[in-house]
Amino acid sequence: MTVEVGDVPEAKRYEARVDGESKVAGVAEYIRTAELVAFVHTEVEAEYEGAGVGSALVRTALDEARAANLRVLATCPFFAGWISRHPEYQDLLYQTRSKVSD
């Protein structure tokens, strides 16, 4: 099974397709600014769950964020969980720069 992932900026999401099918197997929705991309929702069609579609979405989206020098805010639980299991991507996570005074 081959999973192809592409960014669809006009829809503000990444789409995954399997084995060249036109049907969308999964999506990762985002909000992007000049410095940050927030991944807010990921959904994989039931028939493709457990087949690596979600992982392909996350890996592609994060690799593209890295290439664009964007920080990542993983508000989507799937993205947050995936990143926690893949330390090589944790450097992308957004860190607040504000300090709280005592």
PDB file of N, CA and C in Angstrom:
ATOM      1  N   MET A   1       0.848  -1.181   0.000  1.00  0.00           N
ATOM      2  CA  MET A   1       0.000   0.000   0.000  1.00  0.00           C
ATOM      3  C   MET A   1       0.891   1.240   0.000  1.00  0.00           C
ATOM      4  N   THR A   2       0.626   2.153  -0.913  1.00  0.00           N
ATOM      5  CA  THR A   2       1.375   3.396  -1.015  1.00  0.00           C
ATOM      6  C   THR A   2       0.479   4.552  -0.587  1.00  0.00           C
ATOM      7  N   VAL A   3       0.972   5.361   0.362  1.00  0.00           N
ATOM      8  CA  VAL A   3       0.231   6.527   0.834  1.00  0.00           C
ATOM      9  C   VAL A   3       0.904   7.770   0.270  1.00  0.00           C
ATOM     10  N   GLU A   4       0.143   8.577  -0.436  1.00  0.00           N
ATOM     11  CA  GLU A   4       0.635   9.838  -0.982  1.00  0.00           C
ATOM     12  C   GLU A   4      -0.050  10.975  -0.236  1.00  0.00           C
ATOM     13  N   VAL A   5       0.770  11.924   0.236  1.00  0.00           N
ATOM     14  CA  VAL A   5       0.253  13.055   1.003  1.00  0.00           C
ATOM     15  C   VAL A   5       0.614  14.339   0.287  1.00  0.00           C
ATOM     16  N   GLY A   6      -0.353  15.239   0.206  1.00  0.00           N
ATOM     17  CA  GLY A   6      -0.112  16.540  -0.406  1.00  0.00           C
ATOM     18  C   GLY A   6      -0.785  17.650   0.365  1.00  0.00           C
ATOM     19  N   ASP A   7      -0.169  18.813   0.329  1.00  0.00           N
ATOM     20  CA  ASP A   7      -0.740  19.998   0.958  1.00  0.00           C
ATOM     21  C   ASP A   7      -1.766  20.601   0.003  1.00  0.00           C
ATOM     22  N   VAL A   8      -2.917  20.956   0.553  1.00  0.00           N
ATOM     23  CA  VAL A   8      -3.968  21.626  -0.216  1.00  0.00           C
ATOM     24  C   VAL A   8      -4.222  22.963   0.493  1.00  0.00           C
ATOM     25  N   PRO A   9      -3.370  23.964   0.208  1.00  0.00           N
ATOM     26  CA  PRO A   9      -3.427  25.229   0.960  1.00  0.00           C
ATOM     27  C   PRO A   9      -4.783  25.923   0.930  1.00  0.00           C
ATOM     28  N   GLU A  10      -5.494  25.841  -0.196  1.00  0.00           N
ATOM     29  CA  GLU A  10      -6.791  26.510  -0.268  1.00  0.00           C
ATOM     30  C   GLU A  10      -7.819  25.893   0.670  1.00  0.00           C
ATOM     31  N   ALA A  11      -7.618  24.630   1.053  1.00  0.00           N
ATOM     32  CA  ALA A  11      -8.489  23.954   2.015  1.00  0.00           C
ATOM     33  C   ALA A  11      -7.881  23.948   3.416  1.00  0.00           C
ATOM     34  N   LYS A  12      -6.654  24.462   3.541  1.00  0.00           N
ATOM     35  CA  LYS A  12      -5.925  24.506   4.818  1.00  0.00           C
ATOM     36  C   LYS A  12      -5.819  23.112   5.435  1.00  0.00           C
ATOM     37  N   ARG A  13      -5.366  22.170   4.602  1.00  0.00           N
ATOM     38  CA  ARG A  13      -5.204  20.814   5.100  1.00  0.00           C
ATOM     39  C   ARG A  13      -4.280  20.004   4.194  1.00  0.00           C
ATOM     40  N   TYR A  14      -3.724  18.973   4.790  1.00  0.00           N
ATOM     41  CA  TYR A  14      -3.006  17.951   4.040  1.00  0.00           C
ATOM     42  C   TYR A  14      -3.996  16.833   3.760  1.00  0.00           C
ATOM     43  N   GLU A  15      -3.892  16.242   2.580  1.00  0.00           N
ATOM     44  CA  GLU A  15      -4.761  15.136   2.211  1.00  0.00           C
ATOM     45  C   GLU A  15      -3.914  13.918   1.870  1.00  0.00           C
ATOM     46  N   ALA A  16      -4.363  12.754   2.318  1.00  0.00           N
ATOM     47  CA  ALA A  16      -3.689  11.501   2.008  1.00  0.00           C
ATOM     48  C   ALA A  16      -4.577  10.667   1.102  1.00  0.00           C
ATOM     49  N   ARG A  17      -3.942  10.072   0.114  1.00  0.00           N
ATOM     50  CA  ARG A  17      -4.624   9.142  -0.782  1.00  0.00           C
ATOM     51  C   ARG A  17      -3.821   7.854  -0.817  1.00  0.00           C
ATOM     52  N   VAL A  18      -4.499   6.746  -1.020  1.00  0.00           N
ATOM     53  CA  VAL A  18      -3.860   5.429  -0.988  1.00  0.00           C
ATOM     54  C   VAL A  18      -3.863   4.816  -2.387  1.00  0.00           C
ATOM     55  N   ASP A  19      -2.705   4.323  -2.772  1.00  0.00           N
ATOM     56  CA  ASP A  19      -2.550   3.598  -4.049  1.00  0.00           C
ATOM     57  C   ASP A  19      -3.127   4.337  -5.254  1.00  0.00           C
ATOM     58  N   GLY A  20      -2.930   5.659  -5.292  1.00  0.00           N
ATOM     59  CA  GLY A  20      -3.351   6.437  -6.442  1.00  0.00           C
ATOM     60  C   GLY A  20      -4.843   6.668  -6.577  1.00  0.00           C
ATOM     61  N   GLU A  21      -5.625   6.259  -5.583  1.00  0.00           N
ATOM     62  CA  GLU A  21      -7.075   6.470  -5.635  1.00  0.00           C
ATOM     63  C   GLU A  21      -7.402   7.954  -5.549  1.00  0.00           C
ATOM     64  N   SER A  22      -8.531   8.349  -6.104  1.00  0.00           N
ATOM     65  CA  SER A  22      -8.956   9.743  -6.003  1.00  0.00           C
ATOM     66  C   SER A  22      -9.609  10.033  -4.653  1.00  0.00           C
ATOM     67  N   LYS A  23     -10.103   9.000  -3.998  1.00  0.00           N
ATOM     68  CA  LYS A  23     -10.756   9.156  -2.694  1.00  0.00           C
ATOM     69  C   LYS A  23      -9.732   9.581  -1.635  1.00  0.00           C
ATOM     70  N   VAL A  24     -10.124  10.566  -0.820  1.00  0.00           N
ATOM     71  CA  VAL A  24      -9.258  11.018   0.269  1.00  0.00           C
ATOM     72  C   VAL A  24      -9.352  10.020   1.421  1.00  0.00           C
ATOM     73  N   ALA A  25      -8.212   9.495   1.840  1.00  0.00           N
ATOM     74  CA  ALA A  25      -8.165   8.496   2.915  1.00  0.00           C
ATOM     75  C   ALA A  25      -8.013   9.139   4.283  1.00  0.00           C
ATOM     76  N   GLY A  26      -7.470  10.360   4.312  1.00  0.00           N
ATOM     77  CA  GLY A  26      -7.281  11.048   5.586  1.00  0.00           C
ATOM     78  C   GLY A  26      -6.900  12.496   5.357  1.00  0.00           C
ATOM     79  N   VAL A  27      -7.124  13.317   6.387  1.00  0.00           N
ATOM     80  CA  VAL A  27      -6.789  14.739   6.312  1.00  0.00           C
ATOM     81  C   VAL A  27      -6.170  15.199   7.624  1.00  0.00           C
ATOM     82  N   ALA A  28      -5.330  16.219   7.508  1.00  0.00           N
ATOM     83  CA  ALA A  28      -4.767  16.905   8.673  1.00  0.00           C
ATOM     84  C   ALA A  28      -4.999  18.394   8.452  1.00  0.00           C
ATOM     85  N   GLU A  29      -5.889  18.977   9.245  1.00  0.00           N
ATOM     86  CA  GLU A  29      -6.242  20.389   9.091  1.00  0.00           C
ATOM     87  C   GLU A  29      -5.293  21.257   9.898  1.00  0.00           C
ATOM     88  N   TYR A  30      -5.012  22.443   9.359  1.00  0.00           N
ATOM     89  CA  TYR A  30      -4.058  23.332  10.021  1.00  0.00           C
ATOM     90  C   TYR A  30      -4.458  24.793   9.897  1.00  0.00           C
ATOM     91  N   ILE A  31      -3.818  25.605  10.736  1.00  0.00           N
ATOM     92  CA  ILE A  31      -3.873  27.065  10.653  1.00  0.00           C
ATOM     93  C   ILE A  31      -2.413  27.504  10.567  1.00  0.00           C
ATOM     94  N   ARG A  32      -2.081  28.287   9.551  1.00  0.00           N
ATOM     95  CA  ARG A  32      -0.686  28.658   9.321  1.00  0.00           C
ATOM     96  C   ARG A  32      -0.514  30.166   9.385  1.00  0.00           C
ATOM     97  N   THR A  33       0.551  30.595  10.035  1.00  0.00           N
ATOM     98  CA  THR A  33       0.972  31.997  10.017  1.00  0.00           C
ATOM     99  C   THR A  33       2.369  32.027   9.401  1.00  0.00           C
ATOM    100  N   ALA A  34       2.983  33.189   9.383  1.00  0.00           N
ATOM    101  CA  ALA A  34       4.332  33.312   8.820  1.00  0.00           C
ATOM    102  C   ALA A  34       5.373  32.563   9.645  1.00  0.00           C
ATOM    103  N   GLU A  35       5.107  32.350  10.936  1.00  0.00           N
ATOM    104  CA  GLU A  35       6.097  31.723  11.823  1.00  0.00           C
ATOM    105  C   GLU A  35       5.668  30.384  12.401  1.00  0.00           C
ATOM    106  N   LEU A  36       4.391  30.058  12.291  1.00  0.00           N
ATOM    107  CA  LEU A  36       3.839  28.930  13.038  1.00  0.00           C
ATOM    108  C   LEU A  36       2.782  28.195  12.222  1.00  0.00           C
ATOM    109  N   VAL A  37       2.732  26.882  12.411  1.00  0.00           N
ATOM    110  CA  VAL A  37       1.625  26.105  11.859  1.00  0.00           C
ATOM    111  C   VAL A  37       1.015  25.310  13.015  1.00  0.00           C
ATOM    112  N   ALA A  38      -0.290  25.476  13.194  1.00  0.00           N
ATOM    113  CA  ALA A  38      -1.013  24.760  14.248  1.00  0.00           C
ATOM    114  C   ALA A  38      -1.822  23.658  13.591  1.00  0.00           C
ATOM    115  N   PHE A  39      -1.564  22.426  14.019  1.00  0.00           N
ATOM    116  CA  PHE A  39      -2.322  21.292  13.512  1.00  0.00           C
ATOM    117  C   PHE A  39      -3.488  21.058  14.462  1.00  0.00           C
ATOM    118  N   VAL A  40      -4.708  21.244  13.939  1.00  0.00           N
ATOM    119  CA  VAL A  40      -5.888  21.301  14.794  1.00  0.00           C
ATOM    120  C   VAL A  40      -6.791  20.067  14.727  1.00  0.00           C
ATOM    121  N   HIS A  41      -6.690  19.301  13.650  1.00  0.00           N
ATOM    122  CA  HIS A  41      -7.575  18.134  13.538  1.00  0.00           C
ATOM    123  C   HIS A  41      -7.016  17.166  12.504  1.00  0.00           C
ATOM    124  N   THR A  42      -7.006  15.899  12.862  1.00  0.00           N
ATOM    125  CA  THR A  42      -6.593  14.845  11.930  1.00  0.00           C
ATOM    126  C   THR A  42      -7.682  13.788  11.920  1.00  0.00           C
ATOM    127  N   GLU A  43      -8.012  13.327  10.723  1.00  0.00           N
ATOM    128  CA  GLU A  43      -9.045  12.303  10.603  1.00  0.00           C
ATOM    129  C   GLU A  43      -8.660  11.328   9.490  1.00  0.00           C
ATOM    130  N   VAL A  44      -8.770  10.043   9.784  1.00  0.00           N
ATOM    131  CA  VAL A  44      -8.499   8.992   8.814  1.00  0.00           C
ATOM    132  C   VAL A  44      -9.778   8.183   8.643  1.00  0.00           C
ATOM    133  N   GLU A  45     -10.140   7.914   7.396  1.00  0.00           N
ATOM    134  CA  GLU A  45     -11.330   7.109   7.125  1.00  0.00           C
ATOM    135  C   GLU A  45     -11.185   5.738   7.787  1.00  0.00           C
ATOM    136  N   ALA A  46     -12.273   5.217   8.318  1.00  0.00           N
ATOM    137  CA  ALA A  46     -12.263   3.963   9.094  1.00  0.00           C
ATOM    138  C   ALA A  46     -11.580   2.816   8.361  1.00  0.00           C
ATOM    139  N   GLU A  47     -11.791   2.709   7.073  1.00  0.00           N
ATOM    140  CA  GLU A  47     -11.208   1.589   6.325  1.00  0.00           C
ATOM    141  C   GLU A  47      -9.687   1.663   6.216  1.00  0.00           C
ATOM    142  N   TYR A  48      -9.100   2.844   6.541  1.00  0.00           N
ATOM    143  CA  TYR A  48      -7.649   3.010   6.456  1.00  0.00           C
ATOM    144  C   TYR A  48      -6.976   3.131   7.825  1.00  0.00           C
ATOM    145  N   GLU A  49      -7.748   3.069   8.888  1.00  0.00           N
ATOM    146  CA  GLU A  49      -7.169   3.176  10.225  1.00  0.00           C
ATOM    147  C   GLU A  49      -6.196   2.028  10.462  1.00  0.00           C
ATOM    148  N   GLY A  50      -5.072   2.350  11.080  1.00  0.00           N
ATOM    149  CA  GLY A  50      -4.058   1.349  11.377  1.00  0.00           C
ATOM    150  C   GLY A  50      -3.183   0.968  10.196  1.00  0.00           C
ATOM    151  N   ALA A  51      -3.352   1.662   9.074  1.00  0.00           N
ATOM    152  CA  ALA A  51      -2.586   1.334   7.866  1.00  0.00           C
ATOM    153  C   ALA A  51      -1.458   2.325   7.595  1.00  0.00           C
ATOM    154  N   GLY A  52      -1.210   3.237   8.519  1.00  0.00           N
ATOM    155  CA  GLY A  52      -0.116   4.187   8.352  1.00  0.00           C
ATOM    156  C   GLY A  52      -0.494   5.492   7.692  1.00  0.00           C
ATOM    157  N   VAL A  53      -1.768   5.696   7.417  1.00  0.00           N
ATOM    158  CA  VAL A  53      -2.208   6.924   6.761  1.00  0.00           C
ATOM    159  C   VAL A  53      -1.991   8.123   7.687  1.00  0.00           C
ATOM    160  N   GLY A  54      -2.379   8.013   8.942  1.00  0.00           N
ATOM    161  CA  GLY A  54      -2.192   9.104   9.895  1.00  0.00           C
ATOM    162  C   GLY A  54      -0.724   9.444  10.073  1.00  0.00           C
ATOM    163  N   SER A  55       0.112   8.431  10.207  1.00  0.00           N
ATOM    164  CA  SER A  55       1.552   8.667  10.357  1.00  0.00           C
ATOM    165  C   SER A  55       2.133   9.352   9.130  1.00  0.00           C
ATOM    166  N   ALA A  56       1.682   8.962   7.947  1.00  0.00           N
ATOM    167  CA  ALA A  56       2.161   9.598   6.721  1.00  0.00           C
ATOM    168  C   ALA A  56       1.753  11.070   6.673  1.00  0.00           C
ATOM    169  N   LEU A  57       0.536  11.365   7.112  1.00  0.00           N
ATOM    170  CA  LEU A  57       0.077  12.754   7.169  1.00  0.00           C
ATOM    171  C   LEU A  57       0.961  13.575   8.097  1.00  0.00           C
ATOM    172  N   VAL A  58       1.193  13.060   9.291  1.00  0.00           N
ATOM    173  CA  VAL A  58       1.981  13.803  10.277  1.00  0.00           C
ATOM    174  C   VAL A  58       3.416  13.984   9.797  1.00  0.00           C
ATOM    175  N   ARG A  59       4.047  12.915   9.353  1.00  0.00           N
ATOM    176  CA  ARG A  59       5.453  12.989   8.926  1.00  0.00           C
ATOM    177  C   ARG A  59       5.619  13.995   7.780  1.00  0.00           C
ATOM    178  N   THR A  60       4.750  13.937   6.780  1.00  0.00           N
ATOM    179  CA  THR A  60       4.851  14.867   5.649  1.00  0.00           C
ATOM    180  C   THR A  60       4.646  16.301   6.106  1.00  0.00           C
ATOM    181  N   ALA A  61       3.622  16.531   6.920  1.00  0.00           N
ATOM    182  CA  ALA A  61       3.326  17.888   7.404  1.00  0.00           C
ATOM    183  C   ALA A  61       4.489  18.440   8.227  1.00  0.00           C
ATOM    184  N   LEU A  62       5.069  17.617   9.087  1.00  0.00           N
ATOM    185  CA  LEU A  62       6.179  18.077   9.916  1.00  0.00           C
ATOM    186  C   LEU A  62       7.446  18.298   9.099  1.00  0.00           C
ATOM    187  N   ASP A  63       7.698  17.426   8.136  1.00  0.00           N
ATOM    188  CA  ASP A  63       8.867  17.619   7.271  1.00  0.00           C
ATOM    189  C   ASP A  63       8.744  18.921   6.486  1.00  0.00           C
ATOM    190  N   GLU A  64       7.539  19.232   6.020  1.00  0.00           N
ATOM    191  CA  GLU A  64       7.333  20.481   5.286  1.00  0.00           C
ATOM    192  C   GLU A  64       7.425  21.694   6.209  1.00  0.00           C
ATOM    193  N   ALA A  65       6.957  21.558   7.449  1.00  0.00           N
ATOM    194  CA  ALA A  65       7.100  22.649   8.425  1.00  0.00           C
ATOM    195  C   ALA A  65       8.583  22.918   8.675  1.00  0.00           C
ATOM    196  N   ARG A  66       9.358  21.860   8.840  1.00  0.00           N
ATOM    197  CA  ARG A  66      10.802  22.011   9.067  1.00  0.00           C
ATOM    198  C   ARG A  66      11.451  22.713   7.867  1.00  0.00           C
ATOM    199  N   ALA A  67      11.110  22.284   6.663  1.00  0.00           N
ATOM    200  CA  ALA A  67      11.684  22.873   5.455  1.00  0.00           C
ATOM    201  C   ALA A  67      11.342  24.356   5.323  1.00  0.00           C
ATOM    202  N   ALA A  68      10.163  24.743   5.813  1.00  0.00           N
ATOM    203  CA  ALA A  68       9.715  26.137   5.752  1.00  0.00           C
ATOM    204  C   ALA A  68      10.145  26.932   6.980  1.00  0.00           C
ATOM    205  N   ASN A  69      10.888  26.293   7.876  1.00  0.00           N
ATOM    206  CA  ASN A  69      11.362  26.941   9.108  1.00  0.00           C
ATOM    207  C   ASN A  69      10.205  27.449   9.973  1.00  0.00           C
ATOM    208  N   LEU A  70       9.150  26.638  10.073  1.00  0.00           N
ATOM    209  CA  LEU A  70       7.984  26.978  10.889  1.00  0.00           C
ATOM    210  C   LEU A  70       8.009  26.208  12.201  1.00  0.00           C
ATOM    211  N   ARG A  71       7.557  26.823  13.256  1.00  0.00           N
ATOM    212  CA  ARG A  71       7.345  26.136  14.524  1.00  0.00           C
ATOM    213  C   ARG A  71       5.985  25.453  14.446  1.00  0.00           C
ATOM    214  N   VAL A  72       5.800  24.426  15.265  1.00  0.00           N
ATOM    215  CA  VAL A  72       4.588  23.607  15.228  1.00  0.00           C
ATOM    216  C   VAL A  72       3.861  23.676  16.567  1.00  0.00           C
ATOM    217  N   LEU A  73       2.572  23.919  16.506  1.00  0.00           N
ATOM    218  CA  LEU A  73       1.699  23.858  17.668  1.00  0.00           C
ATOM    219  C   LEU A  73       0.745  22.695  17.419  1.00  0.00           C
ATOM    220  N   ALA A  74       0.917  21.630  18.182  1.00  0.00           N
ATOM    221  CA  ALA A  74       0.137  20.403  17.978  1.00  0.00           C
ATOM    222  C   ALA A  74      -1.056  20.384  18.922  1.00  0.00           C
ATOM    223  N   THR A  75      -2.141  21.069  18.525  1.00  0.00           N
ATOM    224  CA  THR A  75      -3.345  21.045  19.353  1.00  0.00           C
ATOM    225  C   THR A  75      -4.157  19.788  19.099  1.00  0.00           C
ATOM    226  N   CYS A  76      -3.935  19.152  17.970  1.00  0.00           N
ATOM    227  CA  CYS A  76      -4.593  17.885  17.651  1.00  0.00           C
ATOM    228  C   CYS A  76      -3.950  16.766  18.476  1.00  0.00           C
ATOM    229  N   PRO A  77      -4.737  15.994  19.215  1.00  0.00           N
ATOM    230  CA  PRO A  77      -4.172  14.918  20.041  1.00  0.00           C
ATOM    231  C   PRO A  77      -3.375  13.888  19.244  1.00  0.00           C
ATOM    232  N   PHE A  78      -3.774  13.607  17.999  1.00  0.00           N
ATOM    233  CA  PHE A  78      -3.029  12.638  17.189  1.00  0.00           C
ATOM    234  C   PHE A  78      -1.636  13.167  16.884  1.00  0.00           C
ATOM    235  N   PHE A  79      -1.527  14.436  16.471  1.00  0.00           N
ATOM    236  CA  PHE A  79      -0.223  15.038  16.203  1.00  0.00           C
ATOM    237  C   PHE A  79       0.623  15.067  17.472  1.00  0.00           C
ATOM    238  N   ALA A  80       0.034  15.499  18.581  1.00  0.00           N
ATOM    239  CA  ALA A  80       0.786  15.593  19.843  1.00  0.00           C
ATOM    240  C   ALA A  80       1.322  14.225  20.261  1.00  0.00           C
ATOM    241  N   GLY A  81       0.494  13.211  20.176  1.00  0.00           N
ATOM    242  CA  GLY A  81       0.918  11.866  20.550  1.00  0.00           C
ATOM    243  C   GLY A  81       2.000  11.332  19.633  1.00  0.00           C
ATOM    244  N   TRP A  82       1.864  11.572  18.334  1.00  0.00           N
ATOM    245  CA  TRP A  82       2.849  11.092  17.372  1.00  0.00           C
ATOM    246  C   TRP A  82       4.196  11.753  17.627  1.00  0.00           C
ATOM    247  N   ILE A  83       4.187  13.065  17.845  1.00  0.00           N
ATOM    248  CA  ILE A  83       5.440  13.788  18.110  1.00  0.00           C
ATOM    249  C   ILE A  83       6.083  13.299  19.400  1.00  0.00           C
ATOM    250  N   SER A  84       5.284  12.998  20.413  1.00  0.00           N
ATOM    251  CA  SER A  84       5.858  12.518  21.680  1.00  0.00           C
ATOM    252  C   SER A  84       6.560  11.175  21.502  1.00  0.00           C
ATOM    253  N   ARG A  85       6.167  10.403  20.500  1.00  0.00           N
ATOM    254  CA  ARG A  85       6.803   9.110  20.229  1.00  0.00           C
ATOM    255  C   ARG A  85       7.946   9.202  19.223  1.00  0.00           C
ATOM    256  N   HIS A  86       8.159  10.380  18.656  1.00  0.00           N
ATOM    257  CA  HIS A  86       9.212  10.581  17.656  1.00  0.00           C
ATOM    258  C   HIS A  86      10.057  11.794  18.053  1.00  0.00           C
ATOM    259  N   PRO A  87      11.030  11.585  18.922  1.00  0.00           N
ATOM    260  CA  PRO A  87      11.820  12.700  19.453  1.00  0.00           C
ATOM    261  C   PRO A  87      12.552  13.516  18.390  1.00  0.00           C
ATOM    262  N   GLU A  88      12.779  12.948  17.223  1.00  0.00           N
ATOM    263  CA  GLU A  88      13.477  13.686  16.170  1.00  0.00           C
ATOM    264  C   GLU A  88      12.647  14.856  15.635  1.00  0.00           C
ATOM    265  N   TYR A  89      11.390  14.934  16.015  1.00  0.00           N
ATOM    266  CA  TYR A  89      10.527  16.043  15.593  1.00  0.00           C
ATOM    267  C   TYR A  89      10.207  17.009  16.736  1.00  0.00           C
ATOM    268  N   GLN A  90      10.617  16.723  17.936  1.00  0.00           N
ATOM    269  CA  GLN A  90      10.236  17.557  19.081  1.00  0.00           C
ATOM    270  C   GLN A  90      10.864  18.945  19.046  1.00  0.00           C
ATOM    271  N   ASP A  91      11.949  19.114  18.311  1.00  0.00           N
ATOM    272  CA  ASP A  91      12.560  20.436  18.196  1.00  0.00           C
ATOM    273  C   ASP A  91      11.682  21.420  17.426  1.00  0.00           C
ATOM    274  N   LEU A  92      10.686  20.917  16.711  1.00  0.00           N
ATOM    275  CA  LEU A  92       9.783  21.784  15.956  1.00  0.00           C
ATOM    276  C   LEU A  92       8.708  22.429  16.828  1.00  0.00           C
ATOM    277  N   LEU A  93       8.497  21.878  18.010  1.00  0.00           N
ATOM    278  CA  LEU A  93       7.385  22.342  18.843  1.00  0.00           C
ATOM    279  C   LEU A  93       7.548  23.792  19.260  1.00  0.00           C
ATOM    280  N   TYR A  94       6.464  24.506  19.185  1.00  0.00           N
ATOM    281  CA  TYR A  94       6.411  25.909  19.584  1.00  0.00           C
ATOM    282  C   TYR A  94       6.633  26.028  21.077  1.00  0.00           C
ATOM    283  N   GLN A  95       7.512  26.940  21.447  1.00  0.00           N
ATOM    284  CA  GLN A  95       7.755  27.243  22.855  1.00  0.00           C
ATOM    285  C   GLN A  95       7.418  28.714  23.062  1.00  0.00           C
ATOM    286  N   THR A  96       6.611  28.981  24.045  1.00  0.00           N
ATOM    287  CA  THR A  96       6.273  30.370  24.318  1.00  0.00           C
ATOM    288  C   THR A  96       7.526  31.122  24.758  1.00  0.00           C
ATOM    289  N   ARG A  97       7.634  32.336  24.326  1.00  0.00           N
ATOM    290  CA  ARG A  97       8.807  33.141  24.674  1.00  0.00           C
ATOM    291  C   ARG A  97       8.521  34.102  25.809  1.00  0.00           C
ATOM    292  N   SER A  98       7.282  34.145  26.267  1.00  0.00           N
ATOM    293  CA  SER A  98       6.936  35.063  27.350  1.00  0.00           C
ATOM    294  C   SER A  98       7.346  34.476  28.683  1.00  0.00           C
ATOM    295  N   LYS A  99       7.697  35.338  29.590  1.00  0.00           N
ATOM    296  CA  LYS A  99       8.079  34.916  30.925  1.00  0.00           C
ATOM    297  C   LYS A  99       7.088  35.507  31.917  1.00  0.00           C
ATOM    298  N   VAL A 100       6.774  34.726  32.906  1.00  0.00           N
ATOM    299  CA  VAL A 100       5.875  35.186  33.955  1.00  0.00           C
ATOM    300  C   VAL A 100       6.745  35.716  35.097  1.00  0.00           C
ATOM    301  N   SER A 101       6.436  36.912  35.541  1.00  0.00           N
ATOM    302  CA  SER A 101       7.176  37.496  36.656  1.00  0.00           C
ATOM    303  C   SER A 101       6.674  36.962  37.976  1.00  0.00           C
ATOM    304  N   ASP A 102       7.576  36.799  38.904  1.00  0.00           N
ATOM    305  CA  ASP A 102       7.185  36.361  40.253  1.00  0.00           C
ATOM    306  C   ASP A 102       6.816  37.535  41.113  1.00  0.00           C
TER     307      ASP A 102
END
